[in-house]
């Protein structure tokens, strides 16, 4: 059974900007799947 607690989040307050790290952008440019595997673990 997978742990879904990392995927369930409270609604985002629209007044807060969503910050994306430069390393996440670099990983996504190279391989979106690899980016998800690396950065979703930190959620």
N, C-alpha and C. Protein backbone atom coordinates (compact mmCIF):
# COMPACT_ATOMS: atom_id res chain seq x y z
N UNK A 1 0.85 -1.18 0.00
CA UNK A 1 0.00 0.00 0.00
C UNK A 1 0.89 1.24 0.00
N UNK A 2 0.55 2.21 -0.84
CA UNK A 2 1.37 3.41 -0.91
C UNK A 2 0.92 4.44 0.12
N UNK A 3 1.86 5.25 0.52
CA UNK A 3 1.57 6.31 1.49
C UNK A 3 1.14 7.56 0.71
N UNK A 4 -0.12 7.94 0.83
CA UNK A 4 -0.64 9.07 0.07
C UNK A 4 -0.56 10.39 0.82
N UNK A 5 0.00 10.38 2.01
CA UNK A 5 0.04 11.62 2.79
C UNK A 5 0.88 12.70 2.10
N UNK A 6 1.87 12.31 1.30
CA UNK A 6 2.68 13.30 0.58
C UNK A 6 1.91 13.97 -0.55
N UNK A 7 0.86 13.31 -1.03
CA UNK A 7 0.13 13.82 -2.18
C UNK A 7 -1.11 14.60 -1.78
N UNK A 8 -1.53 14.48 -0.54
CA UNK A 8 -2.73 15.17 -0.08
C UNK A 8 -2.29 16.45 0.63
N UNK A 9 -2.67 17.58 0.07
CA UNK A 9 -2.27 18.85 0.65
C UNK A 9 -3.48 19.75 0.80
N UNK A 10 -3.35 20.71 1.68
CA UNK A 10 -4.40 21.71 1.84
C UNK A 10 -4.45 22.58 0.59
N UNK A 11 -5.59 23.18 0.30
CA UNK A 11 -5.67 24.08 -0.87
C UNK A 11 -4.63 25.19 -0.77
N UNK A 12 -4.08 25.53 -1.91
CA UNK A 12 -3.04 26.56 -1.97
C UNK A 12 -3.69 27.94 -1.86
N UNK A 13 -3.15 28.75 -0.99
CA UNK A 13 -3.60 30.13 -0.87
C UNK A 13 -3.05 30.90 -2.07
N UNK A 14 -3.91 31.50 -2.86
CA UNK A 14 -3.47 32.15 -4.09
C UNK A 14 -2.62 33.38 -3.86
N UNK A 15 -2.59 33.90 -2.64
CA UNK A 15 -1.74 35.06 -2.37
C UNK A 15 -0.28 34.65 -2.18
N UNK A 16 -0.03 33.35 -1.98
CA UNK A 16 1.34 32.84 -1.82
C UNK A 16 1.90 32.41 -3.16
N UNK A 17 3.08 32.87 -3.54
CA UNK A 17 3.68 32.38 -4.79
C UNK A 17 4.17 30.94 -4.62
N UNK A 18 4.14 30.17 -5.69
CA UNK A 18 4.67 28.81 -5.66
C UNK A 18 6.14 28.89 -6.05
N UNK A 19 7.02 28.48 -5.15
CA UNK A 19 8.45 28.56 -5.40
C UNK A 19 8.95 27.25 -5.98
N UNK A 20 9.74 27.35 -7.04
CA UNK A 20 10.34 26.18 -7.68
C UNK A 20 11.84 26.40 -7.69
N UNK A 21 12.58 25.42 -7.19
CA UNK A 21 14.03 25.58 -7.13
C UNK A 21 14.64 25.45 -8.53
N UNK A 22 15.80 26.07 -8.71
CA UNK A 22 16.49 25.97 -9.99
C UNK A 22 16.88 24.54 -10.31
N UNK A 23 17.25 23.78 -9.29
CA UNK A 23 17.63 22.38 -9.54
C UNK A 23 16.43 21.59 -10.05
N UNK A 24 15.23 21.90 -9.55
CA UNK A 24 14.03 21.21 -10.03
C UNK A 24 13.78 21.55 -11.50
N UNK A 25 13.99 22.81 -11.87
CA UNK A 25 13.81 23.20 -13.28
C UNK A 25 14.83 22.50 -14.17
N UNK A 26 16.07 22.40 -13.71
CA UNK A 26 17.10 21.71 -14.49
C UNK A 26 16.77 20.24 -14.65
N UNK A 27 16.34 19.60 -13.56
CA UNK A 27 15.97 18.19 -13.65
C UNK A 27 14.79 18.00 -14.60
N UNK A 28 13.81 18.90 -14.53
CA UNK A 28 12.62 18.79 -15.39
C UNK A 28 12.99 18.97 -16.86
N UNK A 29 13.90 19.90 -17.15
CA UNK A 29 14.32 20.12 -18.53
C UNK A 29 15.01 18.88 -19.09
N UNK A 30 15.77 18.19 -18.24
CA UNK A 30 16.48 16.99 -18.67
C UNK A 30 15.54 15.80 -18.78
N UNK A 31 14.72 15.60 -17.74
CA UNK A 31 13.83 14.44 -17.71
C UNK A 31 12.73 14.67 -16.67
N UNK A 32 11.49 14.94 -17.11
CA UNK A 32 10.40 15.19 -16.15
C UNK A 32 10.18 14.04 -15.17
N UNK A 33 10.35 12.81 -15.62
CA UNK A 33 10.16 11.66 -14.73
C UNK A 33 11.21 11.66 -13.62
N UNK A 34 12.46 11.91 -13.99
CA UNK A 34 13.54 11.97 -13.00
C UNK A 34 13.28 13.10 -12.01
N UNK A 35 12.81 14.23 -12.50
CA UNK A 35 12.49 15.36 -11.63
C UNK A 35 11.43 14.96 -10.61
N UNK A 36 10.40 14.29 -11.05
CA UNK A 36 9.34 13.86 -10.13
C UNK A 36 9.88 12.90 -9.09
N UNK A 37 10.72 11.96 -9.51
CA UNK A 37 11.27 10.98 -8.58
C UNK A 37 12.15 11.65 -7.53
N UNK A 38 12.92 12.64 -7.93
CA UNK A 38 13.83 13.30 -7.01
C UNK A 38 13.10 14.27 -6.08
N UNK A 39 12.24 15.10 -6.64
CA UNK A 39 11.68 16.22 -5.88
C UNK A 39 10.38 15.90 -5.17
N UNK A 40 9.64 14.89 -5.58
CA UNK A 40 8.40 14.54 -4.87
C UNK A 40 8.69 13.89 -3.53
N UNK A 41 9.85 13.32 -3.35
CA UNK A 41 10.21 12.72 -2.07
C UNK A 41 10.34 13.79 -0.99
N UNK A 42 10.60 15.03 -1.38
CA UNK A 42 10.79 16.11 -0.42
C UNK A 42 9.49 16.81 -0.07
N UNK A 43 8.37 16.36 -0.66
CA UNK A 43 7.08 17.03 -0.42
C UNK A 43 6.59 16.80 0.98
